Amino acid sequence: MPEAVSVLVLRGNGTALAMAEAEALGFQTKVRHGRLAIGHRPESLDSAAGIDTVLDEGGVMPWTTNEAVVAAVDIGTRPLEGKVCVRVDRLGGRMGDSSTQTIARSLGARLHEAGWDIDLERPDHVLCIALDATSMHVGWGWERPRSAGLSVTARRAGERPFFRPVNPGPP
């Protein structure tokens, strides 16, 4: 199967370790900006713990304005069946006058105008935008679903069904 060009959203502050893990699994980095890396991904990235999200058919650009981000995202490159939604995440704080709501609403309106069904609760496809304040870059693409049990949400401690907060202090 041919490798696809993807954007990786790396997890946390240990991005060097996350990038080393992705490259050990076969990711071929073309460009990296802070927590965003663009390159060719193999199928084996499903098991990478240092990756928050894998975004297909996307890109990375320097931050300028909300409008520039909305204009740069090409929503028409992928023929989708099913329902879609837009998710905008901040990585490492706020970037200038960035507005996650403005970006999400504008892209959602473009998707709706293009004839796609919007479902914010149970979408079949998610268009993700990552605002990386550490590098002042924006990454975007269609979120690549992960295998059951390996999904990003399954690995976030607060969202695991078996997770209970523990007080590290004395009883």
N, C-alpha and C. Protein backbone atom coordinates (compact mmCIF):
# COMPACT_ATOMS: atom_id res chain seq x y z
N MET A 1 0.85 -1.18 0.00
CA MET A 1 0.00 0.00 0.00
C MET A 1 0.89 1.24 0.00
N PRO A 2 0.63 2.23 -0.85
CA PRO A 2 1.47 3.42 -0.90
C PRO A 2 1.30 4.26 0.36
N GLU A 3 2.40 4.92 0.73
CA GLU A 3 2.36 5.77 1.91
C GLU A 3 1.65 7.08 1.57
N ALA A 4 0.93 7.63 2.52
CA ALA A 4 0.19 8.86 2.31
C ALA A 4 0.91 10.01 3.00
N VAL A 5 0.74 11.24 2.47
CA VAL A 5 1.27 12.42 3.14
C VAL A 5 0.30 12.79 4.24
N SER A 6 0.85 12.98 5.44
CA SER A 6 0.02 13.25 6.61
C SER A 6 0.66 14.30 7.49
N VAL A 7 -0.16 14.87 8.37
CA VAL A 7 0.32 15.77 9.40
C VAL A 7 0.19 15.04 10.73
N LEU A 8 1.28 14.98 11.48
CA LEU A 8 1.23 14.39 12.82
C LEU A 8 1.12 15.52 13.83
N VAL A 9 0.22 15.36 14.80
CA VAL A 9 0.13 16.27 15.93
C VAL A 9 0.77 15.52 17.08
N LEU A 10 1.95 15.98 17.50
CA LEU A 10 2.72 15.28 18.52
C LEU A 10 2.20 15.61 19.90
N ARG A 11 2.31 14.66 20.80
CA ARG A 11 1.76 14.75 22.15
C ARG A 11 2.71 15.48 23.10
N GLY A 12 2.18 16.43 23.85
CA GLY A 12 2.87 17.04 24.98
C GLY A 12 4.16 17.78 24.66
N ASN A 13 4.98 17.95 25.71
CA ASN A 13 6.22 18.70 25.57
C ASN A 13 7.39 17.86 25.12
N GLY A 14 7.29 16.55 25.20
CA GLY A 14 8.37 15.67 24.78
C GLY A 14 8.30 15.34 23.31
N THR A 15 8.31 16.38 22.47
CA THR A 15 8.11 16.15 21.05
C THR A 15 9.29 15.45 20.39
N ALA A 16 10.49 15.62 20.92
CA ALA A 16 11.65 14.93 20.33
C ALA A 16 11.49 13.42 20.48
N LEU A 17 11.03 13.00 21.66
CA LEU A 17 10.80 11.57 21.90
C LEU A 17 9.65 11.06 21.02
N ALA A 18 8.58 11.84 20.92
CA ALA A 18 7.44 11.44 20.07
C ALA A 18 7.85 11.35 18.61
N MET A 19 8.68 12.29 18.16
CA MET A 19 9.14 12.27 16.76
C MET A 19 10.05 11.08 16.52
N ALA A 20 10.93 10.77 17.48
CA ALA A 20 11.81 9.61 17.34
C ALA A 20 10.99 8.32 17.25
N GLU A 21 9.93 8.24 18.06
CA GLU A 21 9.06 7.06 18.02
C GLU A 21 8.38 6.94 16.66
N ALA A 22 7.84 8.05 16.15
CA ALA A 22 7.17 8.03 14.85
C ALA A 22 8.13 7.63 13.74
N GLU A 23 9.35 8.16 13.78
CA GLU A 23 10.33 7.82 12.75
C GLU A 23 10.78 6.37 12.88
N ALA A 24 10.87 5.85 14.11
CA ALA A 24 11.21 4.44 14.29
C ALA A 24 10.12 3.53 13.73
N LEU A 25 8.88 4.02 13.72
CA LEU A 25 7.77 3.25 13.15
C LEU A 25 7.62 3.46 11.65
N GLY A 26 8.52 4.25 11.05
CA GLY A 26 8.53 4.40 9.60
C GLY A 26 8.07 5.73 9.06
N PHE A 27 7.71 6.70 9.93
CA PHE A 27 7.29 8.01 9.44
C PHE A 27 8.49 8.72 8.83
N GLN A 28 8.33 9.26 7.63
CA GLN A 28 9.40 9.98 6.94
C GLN A 28 9.09 11.47 6.98
N THR A 29 9.77 12.19 7.87
CA THR A 29 9.50 13.60 8.08
C THR A 29 10.00 14.44 6.91
N LYS A 30 9.11 15.31 6.41
CA LYS A 30 9.50 16.28 5.38
C LYS A 30 9.77 17.64 6.03
N VAL A 31 8.84 18.07 6.90
CA VAL A 31 8.95 19.37 7.57
C VAL A 31 8.40 19.21 8.98
N ARG A 32 9.02 19.92 9.94
CA ARG A 32 8.50 19.89 11.30
C ARG A 32 8.49 21.30 11.88
N HIS A 33 7.38 21.65 12.53
CA HIS A 33 7.23 22.93 13.20
C HIS A 33 6.63 22.65 14.57
N GLY A 34 7.43 22.71 15.64
CA GLY A 34 6.93 22.48 16.99
C GLY A 34 6.28 21.12 17.12
N ARG A 35 5.00 21.10 17.45
CA ARG A 35 4.26 19.84 17.63
C ARG A 35 3.62 19.34 16.35
N LEU A 36 3.90 19.96 15.22
CA LEU A 36 3.33 19.56 13.94
C LEU A 36 4.44 19.04 13.03
N ALA A 37 4.23 17.88 12.44
CA ALA A 37 5.19 17.31 11.49
C ALA A 37 4.43 16.83 10.27
N ILE A 38 4.97 17.13 9.09
CA ILE A 38 4.34 16.66 7.87
C ILE A 38 5.31 15.70 7.18
N GLY A 39 4.76 14.62 6.65
CA GLY A 39 5.59 13.63 5.99
C GLY A 39 4.78 12.45 5.50
N HIS A 40 5.48 11.38 5.17
CA HIS A 40 4.84 10.16 4.69
C HIS A 40 4.66 9.21 5.87
N ARG A 41 3.45 8.72 6.04
CA ARG A 41 3.16 7.84 7.17
C ARG A 41 2.92 6.41 6.72
N PRO A 42 3.43 5.48 7.48
CA PRO A 42 3.09 4.08 7.25
C PRO A 42 1.85 3.72 8.08
N GLU A 43 1.29 2.57 7.83
CA GLU A 43 0.13 2.12 8.60
C GLU A 43 0.47 1.87 10.07
N SER A 44 1.73 1.60 10.38
CA SER A 44 2.12 1.22 11.74
C SER A 44 2.01 2.34 12.76
N LEU A 45 1.68 3.56 12.36
CA LEU A 45 1.58 4.66 13.32
C LEU A 45 0.41 4.51 14.28
N ASP A 46 -0.49 3.58 14.03
CA ASP A 46 -1.63 3.37 14.94
C ASP A 46 -1.17 3.08 16.36
N SER A 47 0.00 2.48 16.53
CA SER A 47 0.45 2.09 17.86
C SER A 47 1.33 3.14 18.53
N ALA A 48 1.56 4.29 17.91
CA ALA A 48 2.46 5.30 18.46
C ALA A 48 1.80 6.03 19.63
N ALA A 49 2.45 6.00 20.79
CA ALA A 49 1.90 6.65 21.98
C ALA A 49 2.18 8.14 22.00
N GLY A 50 3.19 8.61 21.27
CA GLY A 50 3.56 10.02 21.29
C GLY A 50 2.82 10.90 20.31
N ILE A 51 1.83 10.33 19.63
CA ILE A 51 1.08 11.09 18.63
C ILE A 51 -0.34 11.31 19.12
N ASP A 52 -0.74 12.58 19.16
CA ASP A 52 -2.13 12.90 19.52
C ASP A 52 -3.07 12.53 18.40
N THR A 53 -2.73 12.96 17.19
CA THR A 53 -3.63 12.77 16.05
C THR A 53 -2.83 12.63 14.77
N VAL A 54 -3.34 11.82 13.85
CA VAL A 54 -2.79 11.72 12.50
C VAL A 54 -3.83 12.33 11.56
N LEU A 55 -3.40 13.33 10.80
CA LEU A 55 -4.31 14.06 9.91
C LEU A 55 -3.90 13.80 8.46
N ASP A 56 -4.82 13.28 7.67
CA ASP A 56 -4.55 13.00 6.26
C ASP A 56 -5.04 14.14 5.38
N GLU A 57 -4.42 14.27 4.21
CA GLU A 57 -4.82 15.23 3.19
C GLU A 57 -4.87 16.65 3.72
N GLY A 58 -3.88 17.00 4.52
CA GLY A 58 -3.86 18.33 5.11
C GLY A 58 -2.61 19.10 4.78
N GLY A 59 -2.25 19.99 5.67
CA GLY A 59 -1.07 20.81 5.47
C GLY A 59 -0.71 21.57 6.73
N VAL A 60 0.36 22.34 6.63
CA VAL A 60 0.84 23.17 7.73
C VAL A 60 1.19 24.54 7.14
N MET A 61 0.84 25.60 7.88
CA MET A 61 1.17 26.95 7.44
C MET A 61 1.48 27.82 8.65
N PRO A 62 2.24 28.89 8.47
CA PRO A 62 2.47 29.82 9.57
C PRO A 62 1.16 30.53 9.94
N TRP A 63 1.00 30.83 11.24
CA TRP A 63 -0.19 31.52 11.70
C TRP A 63 -0.17 32.97 11.22
N THR A 64 -1.31 33.43 10.69
CA THR A 64 -1.49 34.84 10.39
C THR A 64 -2.82 35.31 10.97
N THR A 65 -3.93 34.82 10.40
CA THR A 65 -5.26 35.21 10.88
C THR A 65 -6.21 34.02 10.79
N ASN A 66 -7.35 34.16 11.46
CA ASN A 66 -8.39 33.13 11.37
C ASN A 66 -8.84 32.96 9.92
N GLU A 67 -9.02 34.07 9.22
CA GLU A 67 -9.50 34.03 7.84
C GLU A 67 -8.51 33.32 6.92
N ALA A 68 -7.21 33.53 7.16
CA ALA A 68 -6.19 32.87 6.34
C ALA A 68 -6.21 31.36 6.54
N VAL A 69 -6.45 30.93 7.77
CA VAL A 69 -6.54 29.49 8.05
C VAL A 69 -7.74 28.90 7.32
N VAL A 70 -8.88 29.55 7.44
CA VAL A 70 -10.10 29.05 6.78
C VAL A 70 -9.91 28.99 5.27
N ALA A 71 -9.26 29.99 4.70
CA ALA A 71 -9.03 30.02 3.25
C ALA A 71 -8.04 28.94 2.81
N ALA A 72 -7.07 28.60 3.66
CA ALA A 72 -6.03 27.63 3.29
C ALA A 72 -6.53 26.20 3.31
N VAL A 73 -7.52 25.91 4.14
CA VAL A 73 -8.01 24.53 4.27
C VAL A 73 -8.85 24.18 3.05
N ASP A 74 -8.42 23.15 2.33
CA ASP A 74 -9.13 22.70 1.13
C ASP A 74 -10.07 21.57 1.54
N ILE A 75 -11.34 21.86 1.66
CA ILE A 75 -12.30 20.85 2.10
C ILE A 75 -12.80 19.98 0.97
N GLY A 76 -12.49 20.34 -0.27
CA GLY A 76 -13.06 19.63 -1.40
C GLY A 76 -12.21 18.51 -1.96
N THR A 77 -11.10 18.17 -1.33
CA THR A 77 -10.20 17.18 -1.92
C THR A 77 -10.60 15.75 -1.61
N ARG A 78 -11.49 15.54 -0.68
CA ARG A 78 -11.81 14.18 -0.26
C ARG A 78 -13.30 13.91 -0.42
N PRO A 79 -13.66 12.95 -1.26
CA PRO A 79 -15.08 12.61 -1.36
C PRO A 79 -15.50 11.81 -0.12
N LEU A 80 -16.35 12.39 0.67
CA LEU A 80 -16.75 11.75 1.92
C LEU A 80 -18.17 11.22 1.83
N GLU A 81 -18.38 10.10 2.47
CA GLU A 81 -19.73 9.59 2.68
C GLU A 81 -19.96 9.61 4.17
N GLY A 82 -21.09 10.07 4.58
CA GLY A 82 -21.38 10.13 6.00
C GLY A 82 -21.35 11.56 6.50
N LYS A 83 -21.37 11.68 7.81
CA LYS A 83 -21.47 12.98 8.46
C LYS A 83 -20.09 13.47 8.88
N VAL A 84 -19.92 14.79 8.92
CA VAL A 84 -18.64 15.40 9.25
C VAL A 84 -18.80 16.44 10.35
N CYS A 85 -17.69 16.78 10.98
CA CYS A 85 -17.65 17.90 11.91
C CYS A 85 -16.25 18.51 11.86
N VAL A 86 -16.11 19.67 12.48
CA VAL A 86 -14.82 20.36 12.55
C VAL A 86 -14.42 20.44 14.02
N ARG A 87 -13.15 20.12 14.29
CA ARG A 87 -12.61 20.25 15.65
C ARG A 87 -11.35 21.10 15.57
N VAL A 88 -11.28 22.13 16.40
CA VAL A 88 -10.11 23.01 16.44
C VAL A 88 -9.49 22.90 17.83
N ASP A 89 -8.20 22.56 17.87
CA ASP A 89 -7.49 22.38 19.14
C ASP A 89 -6.35 23.38 19.25
N ARG A 90 -6.16 23.90 20.47
CA ARG A 90 -5.00 24.75 20.77
C ARG A 90 -3.90 23.87 21.36
N LEU A 91 -2.69 24.07 20.90
CA LEU A 91 -1.54 23.35 21.42
C LEU A 91 -0.59 24.38 22.02
N GLY A 92 -0.45 24.38 23.33
CA GLY A 92 0.52 25.28 23.97
C GLY A 92 0.08 26.71 24.15
N GLY A 93 -1.20 26.97 24.21
CA GLY A 93 -1.68 28.32 24.49
C GLY A 93 -2.32 29.01 23.30
N ARG A 94 -2.51 30.31 23.47
CA ARG A 94 -3.23 31.10 22.47
C ARG A 94 -2.24 31.76 21.50
N MET A 95 -2.64 31.87 20.25
CA MET A 95 -1.83 32.52 19.22
C MET A 95 -2.51 33.81 18.79
N GLY A 96 -1.97 34.93 19.19
CA GLY A 96 -2.52 36.22 18.77
C GLY A 96 -4.02 36.31 18.94
N ASP A 97 -4.70 36.66 17.88
CA ASP A 97 -6.16 36.81 17.92
C ASP A 97 -6.87 35.56 17.41
N SER A 98 -6.24 34.39 17.59
CA SER A 98 -6.86 33.15 17.11
C SER A 98 -8.16 32.87 17.86
N SER A 99 -9.13 32.35 17.13
CA SER A 99 -10.42 32.01 17.71
C SER A 99 -10.84 30.63 17.21
N THR A 100 -10.84 29.67 18.12
CA THR A 100 -11.23 28.31 17.73
C THR A 100 -12.67 28.29 17.23
N GLN A 101 -13.55 29.06 17.86
CA GLN A 101 -14.95 29.08 17.45
C GLN A 101 -15.14 29.68 16.07
N THR A 102 -14.43 30.76 15.78
CA THR A 102 -14.54 31.40 14.46
C THR A 102 -14.08 30.45 13.37
N ILE A 103 -12.95 29.78 13.60
CA ILE A 103 -12.42 28.85 12.60
C ILE A 103 -13.38 27.68 12.41
N ALA A 104 -13.85 27.09 13.51
CA ALA A 104 -14.76 25.94 13.43
C ALA A 104 -16.07 26.32 12.73
N ARG A 105 -16.63 27.45 13.09
CA ARG A 105 -17.90 27.86 12.48
C ARG A 105 -17.74 28.15 10.99
N SER A 106 -16.65 28.83 10.63
CA SER A 106 -16.44 29.17 9.22
C SER A 106 -16.22 27.93 8.37
N LEU A 107 -15.41 26.99 8.87
CA LEU A 107 -15.18 25.75 8.12
C LEU A 107 -16.43 24.88 8.11
N GLY A 108 -17.17 24.86 9.22
CA GLY A 108 -18.43 24.12 9.26
C GLY A 108 -19.42 24.67 8.24
N ALA A 109 -19.46 25.98 8.10
CA ALA A 109 -20.35 26.60 7.11
C ALA A 109 -19.93 26.21 5.69
N ARG A 110 -18.62 26.18 5.44
CA ARG A 110 -18.14 25.76 4.11
C ARG A 110 -18.50 24.31 3.83
N LEU A 111 -18.35 23.45 4.82
CA LEU A 111 -18.72 22.04 4.65
C LEU A 111 -20.21 21.91 4.35
N HIS A 112 -21.03 22.65 5.10
CA HIS A 112 -22.49 22.62 4.90
C HIS A 112 -22.85 23.13 3.50
N GLU A 113 -22.24 24.23 3.09
CA GLU A 113 -22.51 24.79 1.76
C GLU A 113 -22.08 23.83 0.65
N ALA A 114 -21.06 23.00 0.93
CA ALA A 114 -20.60 22.02 -0.06
C ALA A 114 -21.50 20.79 -0.10
N GLY A 115 -22.50 20.75 0.78
CA GLY A 115 -23.48 19.67 0.74
C GLY A 115 -23.24 18.51 1.69
N TRP A 116 -22.26 18.64 2.59
CA TRP A 116 -22.02 17.57 3.54
C TRP A 116 -22.90 17.72 4.76
N ASP A 117 -23.33 16.60 5.32
CA ASP A 117 -24.14 16.60 6.53
C ASP A 117 -23.23 16.83 7.73
N ILE A 118 -23.66 17.72 8.62
CA ILE A 118 -22.89 18.05 9.82
C ILE A 118 -23.50 17.31 11.00
N ASP A 119 -22.67 16.66 11.79
CA ASP A 119 -23.11 15.98 13.01
C ASP A 119 -22.03 16.19 14.06
N LEU A 120 -22.30 17.04 15.04
CA LEU A 120 -21.31 17.35 16.06
C LEU A 120 -21.18 16.27 17.12
N GLU A 121 -22.17 15.41 17.24
CA GLU A 121 -22.15 14.37 18.27
C GLU A 121 -21.48 13.08 17.82
N ARG A 122 -21.84 12.58 16.64
CA ARG A 122 -21.33 11.30 16.14
C ARG A 122 -20.93 11.40 14.66
N PRO A 123 -19.87 12.17 14.38
CA PRO A 123 -19.47 12.30 12.97
C PRO A 123 -18.75 11.05 12.47
N ASP A 124 -18.85 10.82 11.18
CA ASP A 124 -18.09 9.74 10.55
C ASP A 124 -16.68 10.21 10.20
N HIS A 125 -16.53 11.51 9.94
CA HIS A 125 -15.24 12.10 9.57
C HIS A 125 -15.07 13.40 10.33
N VAL A 126 -13.83 13.68 10.78
CA VAL A 126 -13.55 14.90 11.54
C VAL A 126 -12.45 15.68 10.84
N LEU A 127 -12.76 16.93 10.50
CA LEU A 127 -11.76 17.85 9.96
C LEU A 127 -11.11 18.54 11.16
N CYS A 128 -9.83 18.28 11.38
CA CYS A 128 -9.13 18.82 12.55
C CYS A 128 -8.21 19.97 12.16
N ILE A 129 -8.20 20.98 13.01
CA ILE A 129 -7.30 22.11 12.88
C ILE A 129 -6.52 22.18 14.19
N ALA A 130 -5.18 22.21 14.11
CA ALA A 130 -4.34 22.28 15.30
C ALA A 130 -3.58 23.60 15.29
N LEU A 131 -3.85 24.44 16.29
CA LEU A 131 -3.19 25.74 16.42
C LEU A 131 -2.02 25.58 17.38
N ASP A 132 -0.79 25.50 16.87
CA ASP A 132 0.40 25.24 17.69
C ASP A 132 1.08 26.55 18.07
N ALA A 133 0.83 27.01 19.29
CA ALA A 133 1.41 28.26 19.76
C ALA A 133 2.91 28.17 19.98
N THR A 134 3.45 26.97 20.17
CA THR A 134 4.89 26.83 20.39
C THR A 134 5.68 27.16 19.13
N SER A 135 5.11 26.94 17.97
CA SER A 135 5.81 27.22 16.71
C SER A 135 5.12 28.30 15.88
N MET A 136 3.96 28.76 16.34
CA MET A 136 3.15 29.74 15.60
C MET A 136 2.78 29.22 14.21
N HIS A 137 2.43 27.92 14.15
CA HIS A 137 1.99 27.28 12.91
C HIS A 137 0.63 26.62 13.12
N VAL A 138 -0.05 26.37 12.03
CA VAL A 138 -1.36 25.73 12.04
C VAL A 138 -1.28 24.49 11.16
N GLY A 139 -1.77 23.36 11.69
CA GLY A 139 -1.86 22.14 10.90
C GLY A 139 -3.32 21.75 10.74
N TRP A 140 -3.64 21.09 9.64
CA TRP A 140 -5.02 20.67 9.42
C TRP A 140 -5.04 19.40 8.58
N GLY A 141 -6.18 18.74 8.62
CA GLY A 141 -6.40 17.55 7.80
C GLY A 141 -7.56 16.75 8.36
N TRP A 142 -7.88 15.66 7.65
CA TRP A 142 -8.96 14.76 8.09
C TRP A 142 -8.37 13.77 9.08
N GLU A 143 -8.97 13.72 10.26
CA GLU A 143 -8.47 12.84 11.31
C GLU A 143 -8.55 11.39 10.86
N ARG A 144 -7.45 10.70 11.01
CA ARG A 144 -7.39 9.29 10.63
C ARG A 144 -7.86 8.46 11.81
N PRO A 145 -8.90 7.66 11.62
CA PRO A 145 -9.38 6.83 12.73
C PRO A 145 -8.31 5.83 13.14
N ARG A 146 -8.24 5.58 14.42
CA ARG A 146 -7.29 4.59 14.94
C ARG A 146 -8.03 3.31 15.26
N SER A 147 -7.28 2.23 15.36
CA SER A 147 -7.87 0.93 15.69
C SER A 147 -8.53 0.99 17.05
N ALA A 148 -9.55 0.18 17.25
CA ALA A 148 -10.23 0.12 18.54
C ALA A 148 -9.22 -0.22 19.62
N GLY A 149 -9.29 0.49 20.73
CA GLY A 149 -8.37 0.25 21.83
C GLY A 149 -7.08 1.04 21.71
N LEU A 150 -6.80 1.58 20.53
CA LEU A 150 -5.60 2.37 20.33
C LEU A 150 -5.93 3.83 20.07
N SER A 151 -7.19 4.19 20.11
CA SER A 151 -7.57 5.55 19.76
C SER A 151 -7.00 6.55 20.76
N VAL A 152 -6.87 7.78 20.31
CA VAL A 152 -6.34 8.84 21.16
C VAL A 152 -7.21 9.01 22.39
N THR A 153 -8.52 9.02 22.21
CA THR A 153 -9.40 9.23 23.36
C THR A 153 -9.31 8.08 24.34
N ALA A 154 -9.05 6.88 23.86
CA ALA A 154 -8.93 5.74 24.77
C ALA A 154 -7.68 5.86 25.62
N ARG A 155 -6.67 6.62 25.15
CA ARG A 155 -5.42 6.74 25.89
C ARG A 155 -5.40 7.95 26.79
N ARG A 156 -6.32 8.88 26.68
CA ARG A 156 -6.35 10.03 27.56
C ARG A 156 -6.93 9.59 28.89
N ALA A 157 -6.16 9.77 29.93
CA ALA A 157 -6.52 9.21 31.23
C ALA A 157 -7.90 9.63 31.72
N GLY A 158 -8.25 10.88 31.61
CA GLY A 158 -9.54 11.35 32.11
C GLY A 158 -10.73 10.80 31.36
N GLU A 159 -10.51 10.22 30.19
CA GLU A 159 -11.61 9.70 29.39
C GLU A 159 -11.65 8.18 29.37
N ARG A 160 -10.74 7.54 30.10
CA ARG A 160 -10.76 6.08 30.15
C ARG A 160 -11.85 5.64 31.12
N PRO A 161 -12.61 4.61 30.79
CA PRO A 161 -13.69 4.19 31.68
C PRO A 161 -13.19 3.67 33.03
N PHE A 162 -11.94 3.20 33.10
CA PHE A 162 -11.42 2.63 34.34
C PHE A 162 -10.61 3.64 35.14
N PHE A 163 -10.48 4.87 34.66
CA PHE A 163 -9.64 5.86 35.32
C PHE A 163 -10.36 6.46 36.53
N ARG A 164 -9.64 6.51 37.65
CA ARG A 164 -10.12 7.22 38.83
C ARG A 164 -9.00 8.11 39.33
N PRO A 165 -9.25 9.40 39.54
CA PRO A 165 -8.19 10.26 40.06
C PRO A 165 -7.69 9.76 41.41
N VAL A 166 -6.40 9.87 41.60
CA VAL A 166 -5.78 9.40 42.84
C VAL A 166 -5.08 10.57 43.50
N ASN A 167 -5.25 10.69 44.81
CA ASN A 167 -4.56 11.71 45.58
C ASN A 167 -3.17 11.18 45.91
N PRO A 168 -2.10 11.84 45.42
CA PRO A 168 -0.76 11.33 45.69
C PRO A 168 -0.28 11.59 47.11
N GLY A 169 -1.03 12.36 47.87
CA GLY A 169 -0.65 12.66 49.25
C GLY A 169 -0.96 11.50 50.19
N PRO A 170 -0.57 11.65 51.46
CA PRO A 170 -0.86 10.59 52.43
C PRO A 170 -2.37 10.44 52.66
N PRO A 171 -2.81 9.24 53.00
CA PRO A 171 -4.26 9.00 53.18
C PRO A 171 -4.88 9.74 54.33
